Protein backbone atom coordinates (compact mmCIF):
# COMPACT_ATOMS: atom_id res chain seq x y z
CA MET A 1 -38.31 -124.07 -28.96
CA GLY A 2 -41.03 -126.48 -27.66
CA ALA A 3 -42.49 -129.55 -29.61
CA THR A 4 -45.61 -127.56 -30.25
CA GLY A 5 -43.83 -124.66 -31.79
CA VAL A 6 -41.98 -126.90 -34.03
CA ALA A 7 -45.21 -128.71 -35.03
CA LEU A 8 -46.71 -125.43 -35.96
CA ILE A 9 -43.79 -124.23 -38.00
CA LEU A 10 -43.79 -127.58 -39.94
CA GLY A 11 -47.43 -127.40 -40.43
CA GLY A 12 -47.06 -123.89 -42.00
CA ALA A 13 -44.65 -125.44 -44.37
CA GLY A 14 -47.23 -127.68 -45.58
CA ILE A 15 -45.65 -130.74 -43.76
CA LEU A 16 -48.17 -133.30 -42.35
CA LEU A 17 -48.43 -132.88 -38.57
CA THR A 18 -47.61 -135.62 -36.20
CA ALA A 19 -45.82 -133.71 -33.27
CA ALA A 20 -47.49 -132.89 -29.95
CA PRO A 21 -50.22 -135.56 -29.94
CA ALA A 22 -53.30 -135.06 -28.03
CA LEU A 23 -53.63 -137.00 -24.87
CA ALA A 24 -55.89 -139.99 -25.97
CA ALA A 25 -58.21 -141.65 -23.52
CA GLU A 26 -59.73 -144.95 -24.03
CA VAL A 27 -63.34 -144.76 -25.36
CA SER A 28 -65.61 -147.64 -24.78
CA TYR A 29 -68.94 -148.25 -26.29
CA LYS A 30 -71.83 -150.77 -26.84
CA THR A 31 -71.44 -152.10 -30.52
CA GLU A 32 -73.86 -154.13 -32.71
CA CYS A 33 -72.00 -156.34 -35.45
CA ILE A 34 -73.67 -157.64 -38.39
CA PRO A 35 -72.11 -160.94 -39.52
CA PRO A 36 -71.81 -161.67 -43.24
CA ALA A 37 -75.16 -162.33 -45.01
CA ILE A 38 -73.95 -165.67 -46.08
CA SER A 39 -74.04 -166.87 -42.55
CA GLY A 40 -77.92 -166.39 -41.98
CA LEU A 41 -77.06 -165.61 -38.30
CA PRO A 42 -78.64 -162.63 -36.39
CA PRO A 43 -76.74 -159.51 -35.16
CA VAL A 44 -74.38 -159.87 -32.23
CA GLN A 45 -74.03 -157.34 -29.26
CA GLY A 46 -70.36 -156.58 -28.01
CA THR A 47 -68.20 -153.87 -26.59
CA THR A 48 -65.62 -151.79 -28.67
CA LYS A 49 -62.52 -150.01 -26.94
CA VAL A 50 -60.75 -147.46 -29.05
CA GLN A 51 -58.08 -144.82 -28.56
CA ILE A 52 -58.00 -141.78 -30.98
CA THR A 53 -54.67 -140.03 -31.36
CA ALA A 54 -54.32 -136.46 -32.99
CA PRO A 55 -52.18 -133.42 -32.55
CA ALA A 56 -53.27 -131.31 -29.66
CA GLU A 57 -52.82 -128.07 -31.52
CA ALA A 58 -52.63 -127.04 -35.04
CA LYS A 59 -53.62 -124.09 -37.19
CA VAL A 60 -56.03 -123.42 -40.01
CA GLY A 61 -54.62 -124.87 -43.43
CA ASP A 62 -52.78 -127.65 -41.71
CA GLU A 63 -53.29 -131.34 -42.60
CA VAL A 64 -52.96 -133.66 -39.56
CA GLU A 65 -52.84 -137.29 -39.26
CA VAL A 66 -55.41 -139.11 -37.06
CA VAL A 67 -54.84 -142.69 -35.66
CA TRP A 68 -57.52 -145.05 -34.62
CA LYS A 69 -56.16 -147.79 -32.31
CA THR A 70 -58.56 -150.59 -31.52
CA VAL A 71 -57.70 -151.69 -28.04
CA GLU A 72 -60.48 -154.34 -28.08
CA ALA A 73 -62.82 -155.25 -30.83
CA ALA A 74 -66.33 -156.63 -30.29
CA SER A 75 -65.26 -160.01 -31.62
CA LYS A 76 -63.28 -163.10 -30.71
CA ASN A 77 -62.06 -166.03 -32.84
CA PRO A 78 -63.99 -169.07 -31.68
CA ASP A 79 -62.68 -172.56 -31.29
CA ILE A 80 -63.08 -173.64 -34.75
CA LEU A 81 -60.37 -172.33 -37.31
CA ASP A 82 -57.17 -170.24 -37.00
CA LEU A 83 -56.98 -167.02 -39.08
CA ASP A 84 -53.87 -166.63 -41.17
CA LYS A 85 -51.31 -163.81 -40.81
CA ASP A 86 -52.14 -160.57 -42.77
CA THR A 87 -55.65 -161.56 -43.75
CA VAL A 88 -57.44 -159.03 -41.60
CA LYS A 89 -58.15 -155.35 -42.75
CA PRO A 90 -60.18 -152.77 -40.81
CA THR A 91 -61.89 -149.60 -42.02
CA GLY A 92 -63.86 -147.07 -40.08
CA VAL A 93 -65.41 -143.74 -39.78
CA ILE A 94 -64.66 -140.90 -37.15
CA LYS A 95 -67.27 -138.19 -36.56
CA ILE A 96 -66.08 -134.66 -36.53
CA GLY A 97 -67.70 -132.18 -34.19
CA GLY A 98 -67.19 -128.88 -32.24
CA ALA A 99 -65.96 -126.06 -34.66
CA ALA A 100 -66.53 -128.15 -37.56
CA SER A 101 -68.69 -131.20 -38.56
CA GLY A 102 -68.38 -134.14 -41.10
CA THR A 103 -66.82 -137.43 -40.97
CA LEU A 104 -63.32 -138.74 -41.50
CA THR A 105 -62.64 -142.04 -43.31
CA MET A 106 -60.07 -144.37 -41.59
CA GLU A 107 -58.27 -147.37 -42.94
CA GLY A 108 -55.82 -149.76 -41.67
CA PRO A 109 -53.47 -152.28 -43.61
CA ARG A 110 -54.11 -155.85 -44.21
CA GLN A 111 -51.75 -156.67 -41.36
CA ASN A 112 -52.26 -158.94 -38.27
CA PRO A 113 -50.52 -161.74 -36.55
CA PRO A 114 -51.90 -165.25 -36.84
CA ILE A 115 -55.09 -165.29 -34.74
CA PRO A 116 -55.46 -168.64 -33.13
CA LYS A 117 -58.78 -170.30 -32.14
CA ASN A 118 -60.57 -168.77 -29.18
CA SER A 119 -58.55 -165.72 -28.97
CA PRO A 120 -59.23 -162.08 -29.44
CA MET A 121 -59.40 -160.49 -32.81
CA VAL A 122 -56.29 -158.32 -33.24
CA LEU A 123 -56.69 -155.32 -35.61
CA PRO A 124 -54.09 -152.95 -37.01
CA ASP A 125 -54.12 -149.25 -36.48
CA MET A 126 -56.26 -147.25 -38.94
CA LYS A 127 -55.21 -143.78 -40.20
CA GLY A 128 -56.67 -140.83 -41.89
CA LYS A 129 -55.72 -137.43 -42.95
CA LEU A 130 -57.84 -134.21 -42.01
CA LYS A 131 -57.34 -130.89 -43.54
CA LEU A 132 -58.21 -127.93 -41.04
CA GLU A 133 -60.06 -125.10 -42.45
CA LYS A 134 -61.67 -123.32 -39.38
CA ALA A 135 -60.49 -122.06 -36.21
CA GLY A 136 -61.84 -123.47 -32.84
CA GLU A 137 -61.78 -126.77 -31.06
CA ILE A 138 -62.55 -129.77 -33.16
CA THR A 139 -63.66 -133.16 -31.55
CA LEU A 140 -63.00 -136.53 -33.00
CA THR A 141 -65.56 -139.34 -32.05
CA PRO A 142 -65.14 -143.04 -33.05
CA ASP A 143 -68.03 -144.30 -34.98
CA LYS A 144 -68.89 -147.56 -37.11
CA TYR A 145 -66.18 -149.87 -38.41
CA THR A 146 -65.84 -152.84 -40.76
CA ILE A 147 -63.58 -155.96 -40.52
CA ASN A 148 -62.78 -157.59 -43.75
CA VAL A 149 -61.13 -161.01 -43.93
CA SER A 150 -59.58 -161.97 -47.25
CA LYS A 151 -59.24 -165.79 -47.03
CA PRO A 152 -60.42 -168.28 -47.91
CA MET A 153 -63.04 -165.88 -49.27
CA SER A 154 -63.60 -162.15 -48.80
CA THR A 155 -66.27 -161.27 -46.47
CA ASP A 156 -67.24 -158.16 -44.15
CA THR A 157 -68.42 -157.85 -40.45
CA LYS A 158 -70.05 -154.45 -40.04
CA CYS A 159 -70.14 -152.94 -36.60
CA SER A 160 -71.93 -149.70 -35.44
CA PRO A 161 -72.39 -148.01 -32.05
CA LYS A 162 -75.59 -148.79 -30.10
CA GLU A 163 -75.21 -145.76 -27.76
CA THR A 164 -73.74 -142.34 -27.53
CA VAL A 165 -70.00 -142.46 -27.98
CA ALA A 166 -67.59 -140.03 -25.94
CA VAL A 167 -65.25 -137.90 -27.76
CA GLY A 168 -61.94 -139.63 -28.45
CA ALA A 169 -59.52 -136.54 -28.94
CA THR A 170 -59.73 -132.77 -29.46
CA ILE A 171 -57.59 -130.52 -31.75
CA LYS A 172 -57.29 -126.87 -30.82
CA VAL A 173 -57.21 -125.07 -34.22
CA THR A 174 -55.79 -121.56 -34.32
CA ASP A 175 -56.26 -118.94 -37.03
CA GLY A 176 -53.01 -119.15 -39.11
CA GLY A 177 -54.11 -116.77 -41.83
CA GLY A 178 -55.22 -119.51 -44.28
CA GLY A 179 -53.37 -122.60 -45.53
CA GLY A 180 -52.33 -124.49 -48.64
CA SER A 181 -53.97 -127.47 -50.33
CA SER A 182 -53.71 -130.86 -49.46
CA SER A 183 -53.41 -134.01 -51.65
CA GLY A 184 -56.63 -135.90 -52.20
CA GLY A 185 -59.86 -135.47 -50.32
CA GLY A 186 -62.61 -133.00 -50.66
CA SER A 187 -64.25 -130.40 -48.22
CA SER A 188 -66.93 -131.62 -45.86
CA SER A 189 -69.63 -129.46 -44.23
CA GLY A 190 -68.18 -127.23 -41.51
CA GLY A 191 -64.70 -126.91 -43.09
CA THR A 192 -63.06 -130.28 -42.70
CA THR A 193 -61.50 -132.27 -45.45
CA THR A 194 -61.17 -135.99 -45.42
CA SER A 195 -59.09 -138.30 -47.74
CA GLY A 196 -58.75 -141.95 -48.07
CA GLY A 197 -61.59 -144.52 -48.53
CA THR A 198 -62.82 -147.78 -47.47
CA THR A 199 -62.59 -150.84 -49.88
CA THR A 200 -64.55 -153.77 -49.05
CA SER A 201 -65.52 -156.89 -51.07
CA GLY A 202 -67.54 -159.97 -50.88
CA GLY A 203 -69.69 -161.20 -47.98
CA THR A 204 -73.22 -160.54 -49.15
CA THR A 205 -75.86 -163.02 -50.14
CA THR A 206 -78.86 -162.14 -52.21
CA SER A 207 -81.79 -164.32 -51.87
CA GLY A 208 -83.85 -165.30 -54.72
CA GLY A 209 -82.95 -165.71 -58.32
CA THR A 210 -83.92 -164.95 -61.84
CA THR A 211 -86.23 -167.09 -63.91
CA THR A 212 -85.15 -166.84 -67.45
CA SER A 213 -86.25 -169.42 -70.02
CA GLY A 214 -83.52 -171.79 -71.30
CA GLY A 215 -85.44 -174.61 -72.59
CA THR A 216 -84.89 -177.21 -75.24
CA THR A 217 -86.17 -177.87 -78.75
CA THR A 218 -88.34 -180.97 -79.04
CA SER A 219 -89.61 -182.99 -81.89
CA GLY A 220 -92.94 -184.69 -82.24
CA GLY A 221 -95.20 -182.02 -80.74
CA SER A 222 -96.16 -181.29 -77.02
CA THR A 223 -98.76 -182.56 -74.52
CA ALA A 224 -99.93 -181.45 -71.12
CA GLY A 225 -97.38 -182.07 -68.52
CA GLY A 226 -94.39 -182.78 -71.05
CA THR A 227 -93.13 -182.92 -74.51
CA THR A 228 -93.55 -185.89 -76.81
CA ALA A 229 -90.74 -187.56 -78.72
CA GLY A 230 -91.91 -190.37 -81.00
CA GLY A 231 -95.28 -190.54 -79.42
CA SER A 232 -97.84 -188.74 -77.16
CA THR A 233 -97.94 -189.18 -73.46
CA SER A 234 -99.34 -187.45 -70.46
CA GLY A 235 -96.74 -185.96 -68.13
CA GLY A 236 -93.63 -185.82 -70.14
CA SER A 237 -91.69 -187.10 -73.34
CA SER A 238 -92.11 -190.75 -74.20
CA GLY A 239 -89.28 -192.97 -74.98
CA GLY A 240 -91.15 -194.83 -77.62
CA SER A 241 -90.00 -197.59 -80.00
CA GLY A 242 -88.61 -197.25 -83.46
CA GLY A 243 -84.81 -197.11 -82.45
CA GLN A 244 -85.12 -193.61 -80.93
CA THR A 245 -82.17 -192.69 -78.76
CA ASP A 246 -82.55 -188.94 -77.90
CA PHE A 247 -85.44 -187.92 -75.47
CA PRO A 248 -85.75 -184.24 -75.01
CA GLY A 249 -87.71 -183.22 -71.98
CA LYS A 250 -90.23 -180.46 -71.18
CA GLU A 251 -89.06 -177.17 -69.47
CA VAL A 252 -90.87 -176.91 -66.18
CA SER A 253 -90.98 -174.25 -63.43
CA VAL A 254 -89.53 -175.32 -59.92
CA ALA A 255 -89.30 -173.29 -56.73
CA PHE A 256 -86.46 -174.21 -54.24
CA ALA A 257 -86.30 -173.31 -50.58
CA CYS A 258 -82.65 -173.17 -49.54
CA GLN A 259 -81.14 -173.48 -46.11
CA ALA A 260 -78.47 -171.02 -44.70
CA PRO A 261 -75.97 -170.16 -45.59
CA GLY A 262 -77.49 -170.14 -49.21
CA PRO A 263 -80.25 -167.72 -50.55
CA ALA A 264 -83.75 -168.12 -49.13
CA SER A 265 -85.12 -169.22 -52.43
CA ILE A 266 -84.25 -170.10 -55.92
CA ASN A 267 -86.82 -170.03 -58.90
CA SER A 268 -85.72 -171.60 -62.10
CA LYS A 269 -86.71 -173.51 -65.22
CA VAL A 270 -85.50 -176.99 -65.27
CA THR A 271 -85.23 -179.43 -68.23
CA ILE A 272 -84.30 -183.13 -68.08
CA ASN A 273 -83.27 -184.75 -71.18
CA ALA A 274 -82.19 -188.38 -71.82
CA LYS A 275 -80.17 -190.30 -74.31
CA LYS A 276 -80.69 -194.20 -74.46
CA ASN A 277 -77.52 -196.24 -74.11
CA GLY A 278 -78.43 -199.86 -74.03
CA GLY A 279 -80.99 -200.45 -71.28
CA SER A 280 -79.92 -197.37 -69.36
CA TYR A 281 -80.39 -193.68 -70.01
CA ALA A 282 -77.80 -190.90 -69.80
CA LEU A 283 -79.50 -188.00 -68.25
CA THR A 284 -78.77 -184.06 -68.60
CA VAL A 285 -80.27 -181.67 -66.39
CA LYS A 286 -80.23 -177.99 -67.44
CA THR A 287 -81.34 -174.97 -65.32
CA ALA A 288 -82.18 -171.43 -66.40
CA LYS A 289 -79.39 -168.84 -66.79
CA GLY A 290 -78.65 -166.71 -63.62
CA VAL A 291 -80.56 -169.09 -61.11
CA MET A 292 -78.97 -167.31 -58.20
CA ASN A 293 -76.61 -164.53 -57.24
CA SER A 294 -72.94 -165.59 -55.93
CA PRO A 295 -72.80 -165.28 -52.16
CA ALA A 296 -69.22 -164.04 -52.45
CA ALA A 297 -66.30 -163.51 -54.87
CA LEU A 298 -65.44 -167.06 -55.61
CA PRO A 299 -62.54 -168.53 -57.73
CA LYS A 300 -62.81 -170.73 -60.61
CA GLY A 301 -63.68 -174.27 -59.63
CA ALA A 302 -65.39 -173.30 -56.21
CA LEU A 303 -69.06 -173.90 -56.77
CA LYS A 304 -70.57 -177.22 -57.87
CA PRO A 305 -74.31 -178.07 -58.39
CA SER A 306 -75.94 -181.54 -58.21
CA MET A 307 -79.56 -182.71 -58.16
CA ALA A 308 -81.73 -185.76 -57.05
CA VAL A 309 -83.99 -186.50 -59.97
CA LYS A 310 -87.23 -188.10 -58.88
CA ILE A 311 -88.38 -191.36 -60.60
CA GLY A 312 -92.01 -191.76 -60.65
CA GLY A 313 -94.75 -193.82 -62.49
CA ALA A 314 -93.88 -197.39 -63.17
CA ASP A 315 -90.48 -196.91 -61.38
CA SER A 316 -89.45 -195.24 -58.18
CA GLY A 317 -86.38 -193.76 -56.50
CA THR A 318 -84.00 -190.90 -57.42
CA VAL A 319 -81.02 -190.62 -59.68
CA THR A 320 -78.21 -188.12 -58.58
CA VAL A 321 -76.85 -185.87 -61.39
CA THR A 322 -73.95 -183.65 -60.85
CA GLY A 323 -72.46 -180.70 -62.73
CA ALA A 324 -68.79 -179.44 -63.27
CA PRO A 325 -67.41 -176.77 -61.10
CA ASN A 326 -67.89 -173.20 -62.32
CA PRO A 327 -65.39 -172.51 -65.16
CA GLU A 328 -64.77 -168.97 -64.53
CA PRO A 329 -64.34 -166.82 -61.33
CA LEU A 330 -67.70 -165.42 -59.81
CA GLU A 331 -68.22 -161.84 -58.68
CA ALA A 332 -70.06 -161.27 -55.29
CA GLY A 333 -73.68 -160.50 -56.04
CA LYS A 334 -73.54 -161.33 -59.77
CA PRO A 335 -75.85 -163.96 -61.31
CA VAL A 336 -74.45 -167.44 -61.40
CA ASP A 337 -75.23 -169.91 -64.31
CA LEU A 338 -75.07 -173.58 -62.95
CA THR A 339 -73.49 -176.03 -65.13
CA ASP A 340 -75.35 -178.77 -66.77
CA MET A 341 -75.77 -181.89 -64.45
CA THR A 342 -75.44 -185.40 -65.69
CA GLY A 343 -76.02 -188.87 -64.45
CA THR A 344 -77.29 -192.30 -65.39
CA TYR A 345 -80.74 -193.79 -65.06
CA LYS A 346 -81.08 -197.58 -64.94
CA PRO A 347 -84.77 -198.53 -65.01
CA GLY A 348 -85.95 -200.90 -62.16
CA ALA A 349 -89.28 -201.43 -63.72
CA SER A 350 -90.98 -201.89 -67.18
CA GLY A 351 -93.58 -199.29 -68.16
CA LYS A 352 -93.98 -195.57 -68.40
CA ALA A 353 -91.46 -193.85 -65.85
CA THR A 354 -91.52 -190.14 -65.06
CA LEU A 355 -88.58 -188.00 -64.42
CA SER A 356 -89.03 -184.76 -62.23
CA PRO A 357 -86.63 -182.03 -60.88
CA GLY A 358 -86.03 -182.81 -56.97
CA LYS A 359 -83.61 -181.53 -54.47
CA LEU A 360 -80.93 -179.27 -55.60
CA THR A 361 -77.57 -179.12 -53.68
CA ILE A 362 -74.96 -176.47 -54.24
CA SER A 363 -71.36 -177.10 -52.89
CA VAL A 364 -68.85 -174.44 -52.35
CA SER A 365 -65.38 -175.78 -51.96
CA LEU A 366 -62.28 -173.52 -50.92
CA GLY A 367 -59.68 -176.13 -50.17
CA GLY A 368 -61.24 -177.64 -47.06
CA SER A 369 -64.47 -179.42 -46.20
CA PRO A 370 -67.15 -178.01 -48.62
CA ILE A 371 -69.95 -175.79 -47.59
CA VAL A 372 -73.13 -177.61 -48.63
CA ILE A 373 -76.32 -175.66 -49.41
CA PRO A 374 -79.37 -177.88 -49.75
CA CYS A 375 -82.37 -176.55 -51.59
CA GLU A 376 -85.69 -178.60 -51.44
CA VAL A 377 -88.43 -178.36 -53.94
CA LYS A 378 -91.43 -176.24 -52.85
CA GLY A 379 -94.91 -177.38 -53.65
CA SER A 380 -95.73 -179.74 -56.55
CA VAL A 381 -93.76 -179.97 -59.72
CA GLN A 382 -94.53 -181.45 -63.12
CA ALA A 383 -92.63 -184.20 -64.70
CA SER A 384 -90.20 -183.16 -67.37
CA LEU A 385 -89.71 -186.44 -69.17
CA THR A 386 -91.55 -189.66 -69.46
CA LEU A 387 -89.78 -192.84 -70.79
CA ASP A 388 -91.12 -196.26 -71.83
CA THR A 389 -88.61 -198.34 -69.93
CA GLU A 390 -87.68 -202.09 -69.69
CA LYS A 391 -86.48 -203.30 -66.24
CA GLN A 392 -82.76 -203.84 -65.93
CA ALA A 393 -80.95 -205.88 -63.20
CA GLY A 394 -79.99 -203.65 -60.37
CA GLY A 395 -82.10 -200.93 -61.62
CA ALA A 396 -84.10 -198.08 -59.56
CA ALA A 397 -86.84 -200.21 -58.23
CA GLY A 398 -84.45 -202.91 -57.31
CA GLY A 399 -82.13 -200.90 -55.20
CA SER A 400 -79.43 -198.41 -55.61
CA GLY A 401 -76.20 -198.66 -57.52
CA ASP A 402 -73.30 -196.69 -58.92
CA GLY A 403 -74.81 -194.44 -61.60
CA GLY A 404 -78.31 -195.72 -61.16
CA ALA A 405 -81.19 -194.47 -59.25
CA SER A 406 -81.64 -194.68 -55.45
CA THR A 407 -84.73 -195.45 -53.43
CA THR A 408 -83.38 -193.44 -50.56
CA SER A 409 -82.20 -189.86 -50.01
CA GLY A 410 -78.46 -189.51 -50.25
CA SER A 411 -75.77 -189.44 -52.92
CA GLY A 412 -75.61 -191.75 -55.84
CA GLY A 413 -73.48 -191.63 -59.00
CA GLY A 414 -70.69 -189.45 -57.37
CA GLY A 415 -73.12 -187.00 -55.92
CA LEU A 416 -72.78 -184.72 -52.94
CA ALA A 417 -73.48 -185.46 -49.17
CA ASP A 418 -76.99 -184.83 -48.18
CA THR A 419 -77.27 -182.26 -45.34
CA GLY A 420 -80.92 -181.55 -45.60
CA ALA A 421 -83.55 -181.47 -42.69
CA ASP A 422 -84.27 -185.14 -42.73
CA ASP A 423 -82.95 -185.61 -39.29
CA GLY A 424 -81.27 -183.76 -36.27
CA GLY A 425 -77.98 -184.85 -37.13
CA ALA A 426 -78.17 -183.32 -40.62
CA LEU A 427 -79.19 -179.98 -39.13
CA ARG A 428 -76.41 -179.95 -36.81
CA ALA A 429 -73.92 -180.62 -39.57
CA LEU A 430 -75.58 -177.48 -41.39
CA ALA A 431 -75.27 -175.53 -38.24
CA LEU A 432 -71.40 -176.32 -38.14
CA VAL A 433 -71.19 -175.19 -41.77
CA ALA A 434 -72.92 -171.91 -41.10
CA GLY A 435 -70.71 -171.28 -38.02
CA THR A 436 -67.57 -172.07 -40.19
CA VAL A 437 -68.63 -169.61 -42.85
CA ILE A 438 -68.90 -166.87 -40.16
CA LEU A 439 -65.37 -167.55 -38.91
CA LEU A 440 -63.99 -167.46 -42.55
CA GLY A 441 -65.56 -163.88 -42.83
CA GLY A 442 -64.24 -162.63 -39.71
CA ALA A 443 -67.55 -162.28 -37.97
CA VAL A 444 -66.69 -164.54 -35.22
CA PHE A 445 -68.06 -163.76 -31.81
CA THR A 446 -67.81 -165.30 -28.44
CA PHE A 447 -71.35 -164.78 -27.66
CA THR A 448 -72.65 -166.39 -31.01
CA PRO A 449 -75.86 -168.54 -30.07
CA TRP A 450 -74.24 -171.92 -30.81
CA ALA A 451 -77.11 -173.72 -28.96
CA ARG A 452 -79.46 -172.09 -31.37
CA LEU A 453 -77.39 -173.31 -34.28
CA ARG A 454 -77.33 -176.81 -32.91
CA ARG A 455 -81.17 -176.69 -32.82
């Protein structure tokens, strides 16, 4: 008995058909791949080469296995970072045509050899099960697919055809007088049944944020531009006399414009509180709840905020305040509460000094160099606090010092590195960060416009 006859007998007995595979020709088609949203990079054009394998003949009622082999993916690992073994997982869709219509979901294991820098992406074969419910010739055509990379964070690269794709395989289905049921799946239009599914996680960045109030209770009353504590001032709380040590600030609205790979903007309420300690002040900066959405699924301790508080009025400079890393794991796309940021302000001049929210920096660390997202203040912002200060040696106006205020941009008091748009070198550093994020998500292409990133 021939292999085809054996396959048909086994199929009639309800056994999954794998014998007598169809002759699979290589199908090549132009592809557009969308990098993870966290990267901020544009779509990339490439070419995908695929082989689809399925039984050449079967009968109505049989459940057959279809295999998608990616001969060449429209991606290449650039010369930045090696991808670890068993971190890549593909999922895809096959279009069903001819005597039936619908789609078949394909899924591969998270299985790959180590992928060195500057080498082709290697994807495992994807498989799907198809229930045949109508006689005739059924065509199988490869369509869109997704590449998920699990480490160091889970992100997706989504690829779809940009031209009409040729048929990858054909199954000749004969009328076998009906068939049994198959496990899983449901009927699609035209009489095909698909089973399996695609599971993807992470990789998206939602711009913007919520602006809930999260202010502080103040004593002494309020004034335009701030709150008063122990006295009335214009533009904030006054650190008046009388032995007062706690100076609550006013909640002010701030709009931040962030650079890639962060959200486009963040809108939040910010409050700056101070506690006098000798001649200096311990600052605590609070933001609203849910100021941004998590760009990806992040583990505990991966995300850390900092801010450069602006000093004005009688004094000048900035004070860097930093927050603790996130205490709990973060879900992709879910609101993030930034931890309270703390630092020390040492006055460099005597008089009324104002404290206002300044540049916000978000650092994401996953074991290597942190991904730094700078967010500059858009437009004007009110002072949250006003203090009656007395000049201290080494204070803000007199220069920068550990834990004090700085008259130049950068980090102070243990802050994060400044990668804003102050100069070209900083922009190039940010571009490298964005490129690294793409690599980590598997969306790494030989034709990525690196020159544009450098600009």
